[in-house]
Protein backbone atom coordinates (compact mmCIF):
# COMPACT_ATOMS: atom_id res chain seq x y z
CA UNK A 1 -12.08 26.48 48.95
CA UNK A 2 -11.07 26.18 45.57
CA UNK A 3 -11.30 22.49 44.52
CA UNK A 4 -9.44 20.69 41.52
CA UNK A 5 -11.57 18.58 39.19
CA UNK A 6 -9.93 15.25 38.37
CA UNK A 7 -12.36 15.24 35.26
CA UNK A 8 -9.91 14.88 32.20
CA UNK A 9 -9.59 18.33 30.13
CA UNK A 10 -10.98 17.91 26.90
CA UNK A 11 -9.44 19.52 23.83
CA UNK A 12 -10.77 22.40 22.74
CA UNK A 13 -12.81 22.55 19.57
CA UNK A 14 -10.67 22.47 16.54
CA UNK A 15 -10.88 25.48 13.87
CA UNK A 16 -12.56 24.68 10.74
CA UNK A 17 -9.60 26.03 9.25
CA UNK A 18 -6.58 26.37 11.49
CA UNK A 19 -4.38 29.30 11.55
CA UNK A 20 -0.99 28.55 9.11
CA UNK A 21 1.35 28.85 12.12
CA UNK A 22 -0.69 26.19 14.07
CA UNK A 23 -0.96 23.96 10.70
CA UNK A 24 2.60 24.24 10.09
CA UNK A 25 3.40 23.55 13.83
CA UNK A 26 1.68 20.16 13.50
CA UNK A 27 3.08 19.42 10.44
CA UNK A 28 6.48 19.68 11.75
CA UNK A 29 5.37 17.07 14.54
CA UNK A 30 4.08 14.82 12.15
CA UNK A 31 6.73 12.30 13.19
CA UNK A 32 5.02 12.32 16.54
CA UNK A 33 1.74 11.34 14.98
CA UNK A 34 3.51 8.42 12.66
CA UNK A 35 5.06 7.22 15.89
CA UNK A 36 2.04 7.16 17.89
CA UNK A 37 0.30 5.16 15.27
CA UNK A 38 3.15 2.84 15.09
CA UNK A 39 2.91 2.76 18.69
CA UNK A 40 -0.70 1.72 19.05
CA UNK A 41 -0.16 -0.85 16.14
CA UNK A 42 2.51 -2.81 17.48
CA UNK A 43 0.56 -2.77 21.03
CA UNK A 44 -2.43 -3.81 19.51
CA UNK A 45 -4.53 -1.17 21.56
CA UNK A 46 -7.37 -1.32 18.75
CA UNK A 47 -7.31 -5.15 19.04
CA UNK A 48 -7.71 -4.72 23.33
CA UNK A 49 -10.49 -2.25 22.85
CA UNK A 50 -14.11 -3.81 22.26
CA UNK A 51 -17.11 -2.12 21.25
CA UNK A 52 -17.50 -0.73 24.50
CA UNK A 53 -15.50 2.41 25.53
CA UNK A 54 -12.77 1.58 28.20
CA UNK A 55 -10.73 3.40 30.73
CA UNK A 56 -7.08 3.93 30.26
CA UNK A 57 -6.70 1.77 33.25
CA UNK A 58 -8.61 -1.20 31.78
CA UNK A 59 -6.62 -1.18 28.45
CA UNK A 60 -3.51 -0.68 30.29
CA UNK A 61 -4.09 -3.94 32.30
CA UNK A 62 -4.72 -6.14 29.22
CA UNK A 63 -1.68 -4.74 27.20
CA UNK A 64 0.62 -4.99 30.26
CA UNK A 65 1.65 -1.28 29.94
CA UNK A 66 1.86 1.89 32.15
CA UNK A 67 -1.71 3.70 32.52
CA UNK A 68 -0.18 7.06 32.51
CA UNK A 69 1.94 6.91 29.04
CA UNK A 70 -1.14 4.86 27.39
CA UNK A 71 -3.40 7.42 28.50
CA UNK A 72 -1.44 10.09 26.73
CA UNK A 73 -0.99 8.15 23.46
CA UNK A 74 -4.66 7.68 23.12
CA UNK A 75 -5.39 11.48 23.76
CA UNK A 76 -2.66 12.43 21.08
CA UNK A 77 -4.12 9.98 18.59
CA UNK A 78 -7.82 11.36 19.77
CA UNK A 79 -6.79 14.60 18.33
CA UNK A 80 -6.38 13.09 14.63
CA UNK A 81 -9.81 11.02 14.58
CA UNK A 82 -7.73 7.56 15.94
CA UNK A 83 -9.55 6.87 18.61
CA UNK A 84 -12.30 9.09 20.76
CA UNK A 85 -11.91 10.59 24.10
CA UNK A 86 -15.22 10.58 25.57
CA UNK A 87 -16.18 13.06 28.19
CA UNK A 88 -16.36 10.35 31.07
CA UNK A 89 -12.43 9.69 30.42
CA UNK A 90 -12.82 6.86 28.53
CA UNK A 91 -11.75 5.92 24.94
CA UNK A 92 -13.77 4.51 22.21
CA UNK A 93 -13.14 3.44 18.74
CA UNK A 94 -13.54 5.56 15.54
CA UNK A 95 -13.78 4.17 12.04
CA UNK A 96 -9.86 4.93 12.07
CA UNK A 97 -9.05 3.02 15.19
CA UNK A 98 -10.97 0.04 13.91
CA UNK A 99 -8.66 -0.64 10.89
CA UNK A 100 -5.58 -0.60 13.15
CA UNK A 101 -7.20 -4.32 14.25
CA UNK A 102 -5.94 -7.01 12.72
CA UNK A 103 -9.43 -8.89 12.43
CA UNK A 104 -11.05 -5.73 10.44
CA UNK A 105 -11.39 -6.29 6.94
CA UNK A 106 -10.33 -3.04 5.84
CA UNK A 107 -7.13 -3.43 8.27
CA UNK A 108 -4.28 -1.12 7.77
CA UNK A 109 -2.57 -2.19 10.83
CA UNK A 110 0.46 -4.00 8.18
CA UNK A 111 0.53 -0.59 6.17
CA UNK A 112 1.13 1.65 9.34
CA UNK A 113 3.75 -0.63 10.68
CA UNK A 114 5.26 -0.79 6.90
CA UNK A 115 5.48 2.68 6.75
CA UNK A 116 7.01 3.35 10.02
CA UNK A 117 9.46 0.65 10.00
CA UNK A 118 12.90 1.62 11.64
CA UNK A 119 14.43 2.30 8.33
CA UNK A 120 12.24 5.01 7.51
CA UNK A 121 13.10 6.71 10.43
CA UNK A 122 17.12 6.69 9.08
CA UNK A 123 15.93 7.64 5.54
CA UNK A 124 13.68 10.63 5.99
CA UNK A 125 16.11 13.25 7.64
CA UNK A 126 18.04 12.81 4.33
CA UNK A 127 15.49 13.73 2.17
CA UNK A 128 17.21 16.98 1.37
CA UNK A 129 20.28 15.24 0.08
CA UNK A 130 17.96 12.86 -2.05
CA UNK A 131 16.35 16.17 -3.37
CA UNK A 132 19.47 17.81 -4.22
CA UNK A 133 21.55 15.35 -5.66
CA UNK A 134 18.82 12.41 -6.78
CA UNK A 135 20.77 9.72 -5.02
CA UNK A 136 19.20 6.62 -3.57
CA UNK A 137 19.92 7.23 0.10
CA UNK A 138 18.97 4.15 1.47
CA UNK A 139 21.76 2.50 -0.62
CA UNK A 140 24.32 5.11 0.95
CA UNK A 141 23.05 4.30 4.25
CA UNK A 142 22.90 0.56 4.14
CA UNK A 143 25.57 -0.30 1.54
CA UNK A 144 23.34 -2.17 -0.62
CA UNK A 145 20.04 -2.24 -2.21
CA UNK A 146 16.69 -1.80 -0.52
CA UNK A 147 14.92 -5.23 -1.25
CA UNK A 148 18.72 -6.75 -0.44
CA UNK A 149 18.83 -5.43 2.77
CA UNK A 150 15.31 -6.51 4.05
CA UNK A 151 15.65 -10.00 2.92
CA UNK A 152 19.68 -10.19 4.27
CA UNK A 153 19.43 -7.91 7.20
CA UNK A 154 16.35 -7.27 8.18
CA UNK A 155 14.28 -10.45 8.16
CA UNK A 156 11.33 -8.91 10.30
CA UNK A 157 11.05 -5.63 8.34
CA UNK A 158 10.84 -8.08 5.19
CA UNK A 159 7.89 -10.05 6.98
CA UNK A 160 6.09 -6.77 7.28
CA UNK A 161 6.42 -5.64 3.96
CA UNK A 162 5.17 -8.83 2.76
CA UNK A 163 2.30 -8.34 5.16
CA UNK A 164 1.47 -5.06 3.87
CA UNK A 165 1.61 -5.69 0.52
CA UNK A 166 -0.56 -8.56 0.73
CA UNK A 167 -3.13 -6.77 2.50
CA UNK A 168 -3.24 -3.62 0.06
CA UNK A 169 -3.37 -6.37 -2.81
CA UNK A 170 -6.35 -7.99 -1.30
CA UNK A 171 -8.65 -5.17 -0.84
CA UNK A 172 -7.68 -3.73 -4.28
CA UNK A 173 -8.12 -6.83 -5.81
CA UNK A 174 -12.01 -6.90 -5.68
CA UNK A 175 -12.27 -3.48 -6.97
CA UNK A 176 -10.28 -4.53 -10.03
CA UNK A 177 -12.43 -7.40 -10.70
CA UNK A 178 -15.31 -5.36 -10.62
CA UNK A 179 -13.89 -2.71 -12.97
CA UNK A 180 -12.64 -5.09 -15.82
CA UNK A 181 -15.00 -6.28 -18.53
CA UNK A 182 -13.62 -9.63 -19.50
CA UNK A 183 -16.24 -9.80 -22.54
CA UNK A 184 -14.32 -11.99 -25.21
CA UNK A 185 -11.56 -12.83 -22.83
CA UNK A 186 -10.17 -16.45 -22.33
CA UNK A 187 -6.99 -16.02 -20.95
CA UNK A 188 -5.51 -13.43 -18.20
CA UNK A 189 -1.99 -12.93 -17.33
CA UNK A 190 -1.16 -10.97 -13.90
CA UNK A 191 2.20 -9.84 -14.73
CA UNK A 192 4.48 -8.83 -11.51
CA UNK A 193 1.11 -10.06 -9.86
CA UNK A 194 2.65 -10.92 -6.49
CA UNK A 195 0.66 -13.65 -4.43
CA UNK A 196 -2.30 -13.27 -7.59
CA UNK A 197 -4.82 -11.85 -5.13
CA UNK A 198 -6.03 -9.67 -8.35
CA UNK A 199 -6.02 -12.67 -10.58
CA UNK A 200 -7.79 -15.00 -8.07
CA UNK A 201 -10.57 -12.62 -7.91
CA UNK A 202 -10.92 -12.29 -11.49
CA UNK A 203 -11.02 -16.06 -12.18
CA UNK A 204 -13.70 -16.40 -9.39
CA UNK A 205 -15.79 -13.66 -11.30
CA UNK A 206 -15.64 -15.61 -14.68
CA UNK A 207 -15.31 -19.02 -14.49
CA UNK A 208 -14.51 -20.00 -18.02
CA UNK A 209 -11.40 -17.68 -17.99
CA UNK A 210 -7.99 -19.16 -17.53
CA UNK A 211 -5.05 -17.19 -15.85
CA UNK A 212 -1.23 -17.05 -15.82
CA UNK A 213 0.68 -15.56 -12.79
CA UNK A 214 4.25 -14.07 -13.24
CA UNK A 215 6.46 -13.14 -10.35
CA UNK A 216 10.03 -13.54 -9.01
CA UNK A 217 10.37 -17.34 -7.89
CA UNK A 218 10.38 -16.42 -4.25
CA UNK A 219 7.17 -14.53 -4.37
CA UNK A 220 5.00 -17.02 -6.42
CA UNK A 221 6.11 -19.94 -4.29
CA UNK A 222 3.77 -18.24 -1.62
CA UNK A 223 1.16 -17.47 -4.03
CA UNK A 224 -2.73 -17.31 -3.21
CA UNK A 225 -3.54 -20.60 -1.91
CA UNK A 226 -6.79 -20.70 -4.36
CA UNK A 227 -4.19 -20.81 -7.21
CA UNK A 228 -1.63 -23.44 -5.78
CA UNK A 229 -1.52 -27.29 -6.49
CA UNK A 230 -4.90 -28.25 -4.54
CA UNK A 231 -6.46 -24.86 -4.62
CA UNK A 232 -10.04 -24.09 -5.90
CA UNK A 233 -8.42 -22.10 -9.18
CA UNK A 234 -5.48 -24.12 -9.63
CA UNK A 235 -6.62 -26.24 -12.53
CA UNK A 236 -7.24 -22.90 -14.64
CA UNK A 237 -3.80 -21.49 -13.46
CA UNK A 238 -0.19 -21.40 -14.51
CA UNK A 239 2.25 -20.23 -12.46
CA UNK A 240 5.33 -19.03 -14.38
CA UNK A 241 8.15 -18.03 -12.09
CA UNK A 242 10.44 -15.29 -13.62
CA UNK A 243 11.02 -11.75 -14.01
CA UNK A 244 8.90 -9.51 -15.96
CA UNK A 245 12.17 -6.55 -16.71
CA UNK A 246 13.88 -9.44 -18.39
CA UNK A 247 11.05 -11.52 -20.44
CA UNK A 248 7.41 -12.23 -20.25
CA UNK A 249 6.78 -16.09 -21.81
CA UNK A 250 2.97 -15.97 -21.53
CA UNK A 251 0.49 -15.71 -24.54
CA UNK A 252 -2.51 -14.18 -23.14
CA UNK A 253 -5.71 -12.03 -24.46
CA UNK A 254 -5.52 -9.77 -21.47
CA UNK A 255 -2.13 -8.34 -19.26
CA UNK A 256 -2.55 -6.50 -16.06
CA UNK A 257 0.31 -5.00 -14.59
CA UNK A 258 -0.48 -3.39 -11.24
CA UNK A 259 1.95 -1.09 -9.26
CA UNK A 260 5.21 -2.52 -10.44
CA UNK A 261 6.00 0.33 -12.87
CA UNK A 262 7.37 2.82 -10.24
CA UNK A 263 10.64 1.41 -9.04
CA UNK A 264 12.90 3.09 -11.94
CA UNK A 265 12.70 4.40 -15.58
CA UNK A 266 14.86 1.86 -17.14
CA UNK A 267 12.44 -1.05 -14.99
CA UNK A 268 9.30 0.45 -16.62
CA UNK A 269 10.63 0.64 -19.95
CA UNK A 270 11.87 -2.95 -20.14
CA UNK A 271 8.62 -4.28 -18.52
CA UNK A 272 6.28 -2.62 -21.09
CA UNK A 273 8.64 -3.60 -24.05
CA UNK A 274 8.38 -7.16 -22.79
CA UNK A 275 4.87 -7.29 -22.91
CA UNK A 276 4.48 -5.74 -26.08
CA UNK A 277 7.18 -8.21 -27.43
CA UNK A 278 5.22 -11.20 -25.84
CA UNK A 279 1.48 -10.27 -26.62
CA UNK A 280 -0.45 -10.82 -30.08
CA UNK A 281 -2.09 -7.91 -32.00
CA UNK A 282 -5.29 -7.04 -30.37
CA UNK A 283 -4.33 -8.21 -26.97
CA UNK A 284 -5.19 -5.82 -24.32
CA UNK A 285 -2.96 -4.78 -21.74
CA UNK A 286 -4.26 -2.59 -18.23
CA UNK A 287 -1.66 -0.82 -16.39
CA UNK A 288 -2.76 -0.08 -12.89
CA UNK A 289 -1.16 2.59 -10.71
CA UNK A 290 -1.38 5.22 -8.12
CA UNK A 291 -1.20 8.84 -9.33
CA UNK A 292 0.38 12.03 -7.80
CA UNK A 293 -1.93 14.06 -9.59
CA UNK A 294 -5.54 14.45 -10.05
CA UNK A 295 -6.84 11.69 -7.38
CA UNK A 296 -8.47 12.15 -4.04
CA UNK A 297 -5.56 10.27 -2.49
CA UNK A 298 -2.76 12.75 -3.43
CA UNK A 299 -1.44 13.10 0.16
CA UNK A 300 -0.60 9.22 0.47
CA UNK A 301 0.47 8.97 -2.91
CA UNK A 302 2.97 11.90 -2.82
CA UNK A 303 4.20 10.82 0.55
CA UNK A 304 4.74 7.21 -1.11
CA UNK A 305 6.08 9.14 -4.09
CA UNK A 306 9.18 10.57 -1.52
CA UNK A 307 9.64 7.23 0.06
CA UNK A 308 10.47 5.61 -3.39
CA UNK A 309 12.98 8.49 -3.99
CA UNK A 310 14.77 7.68 -1.04
CA UNK A 311 14.63 3.85 -0.85
CA UNK A 312 14.83 2.70 -4.61
CA UNK A 313 15.36 5.86 -6.38
CA UNK A 314 11.83 5.51 -8.03
CA UNK A 315 8.66 7.45 -8.35
CA UNK A 316 5.01 7.37 -8.57
CA UNK A 317 3.54 8.83 -11.90
CA UNK A 318 1.51 11.49 -12.81
CA UNK A 319 -1.37 10.75 -15.55
CA UNK A 320 0.86 12.30 -18.22
CA UNK A 321 4.24 10.38 -17.26
CA UNK A 322 2.33 6.94 -17.32
CA UNK A 323 0.98 7.80 -20.74
CA UNK A 324 4.27 8.72 -22.25
CA UNK A 325 6.13 5.72 -21.03
CA UNK A 326 3.17 3.40 -22.19
CA UNK A 327 3.01 5.38 -25.42
CA UNK A 328 6.70 5.23 -25.98
CA UNK A 329 6.63 1.29 -25.42
CA UNK A 330 3.67 1.15 -28.15
CA UNK A 331 0.72 1.10 -25.80
CA UNK A 332 -1.02 4.25 -26.39
CA UNK A 333 -4.06 4.08 -23.46
CA UNK A 334 -7.38 4.29 -24.96
CA UNK A 335 -9.08 4.62 -21.76
CA UNK A 336 -8.23 5.94 -18.05
CA UNK A 337 -10.46 5.05 -15.39
CA UNK A 338 -10.30 5.33 -11.33
CA UNK A 339 -10.46 1.71 -9.73
CA UNK A 340 -10.93 3.26 -6.52
CA UNK A 341 -9.75 6.56 -4.55
CA UNK A 342 -6.30 5.15 -5.08
CA UNK A 343 -5.68 3.70 -8.31
CA UNK A 344 -6.24 4.49 -12.00
CA UNK A 345 -6.38 1.90 -14.89
CA UNK A 346 -4.90 2.67 -18.01
CA UNK A 347 -6.28 0.61 -20.62
CA UNK A 348 -4.60 -0.17 -24.50
CA UNK A 349 -4.42 -2.53 -27.02
CA UNK A 350 -1.21 -4.00 -28.75
CA UNK A 351 -1.24 -2.55 -32.35
CA UNK A 352 -2.36 -4.96 -35.07
């Protein structure tokens, strides 16, 4: 008599280099992978799984989900290294799944949610139109600008965006502080610095340096607690509500501009020119950006580049394009250095 095993069938070992047809099929179904990561993040599957591998039944009970669909979700993600399906049918953590936990120091849960928000599923199918016409698809879909829509019509998505940007800034702040040599620097200005995580990291490392944080009023109102009144660094910080595209009323030895020169060319030109207008001769200017060339993170940054095309008509920079825009503003880069796998720093000095 033939018996059927109830043991889960394990995926066949993956080939080192999948055949082109298989790889293309996987790419075509890329949306399924994004949706699976989003589902796991929203359900907090990684948070429910501790260090001991668990069966789908146990996880389903903890998460209040159906067992069968949850097992299918975990199996799909295991194919991509997000979770591990073990020979006994249980599921365990992997380095990637741990980063979907909210309590992980390198958590990417907010980023995973942000990159798969509902509006993204409306915009991606129109990428061909954006490529053909150069139009801003988000504006066409919603009748208003991206940030206007977020704050007026999609409050939950706006919160996800803010959390994702905060997480990303916190994780890169230490790398920036480690990279920059502040010898001879008494004052630092973080231009468009969001909640000021980079500035806070620099001031903690250099206790004699003073700092200024400039960003939109609603943004700096929620600045890092260390920088606000009563915070550990507040006595050395000036918080300046403003728009870098209009004016930068700050005198400093060092200006830092991180991840704000990607919205559109006009905004980039205005911001760089305003820095030059505000800075004294000899002041240092450091521009920090993701690049879409010559970087280990190209798959991520080129995807973000396409998203910028859709939602604001912006673009990530190549090394050459950023050098050109800085040079046009009078800030010829003297040194270009990697900050980490995702960021490069372009250092220049205001001409004497």
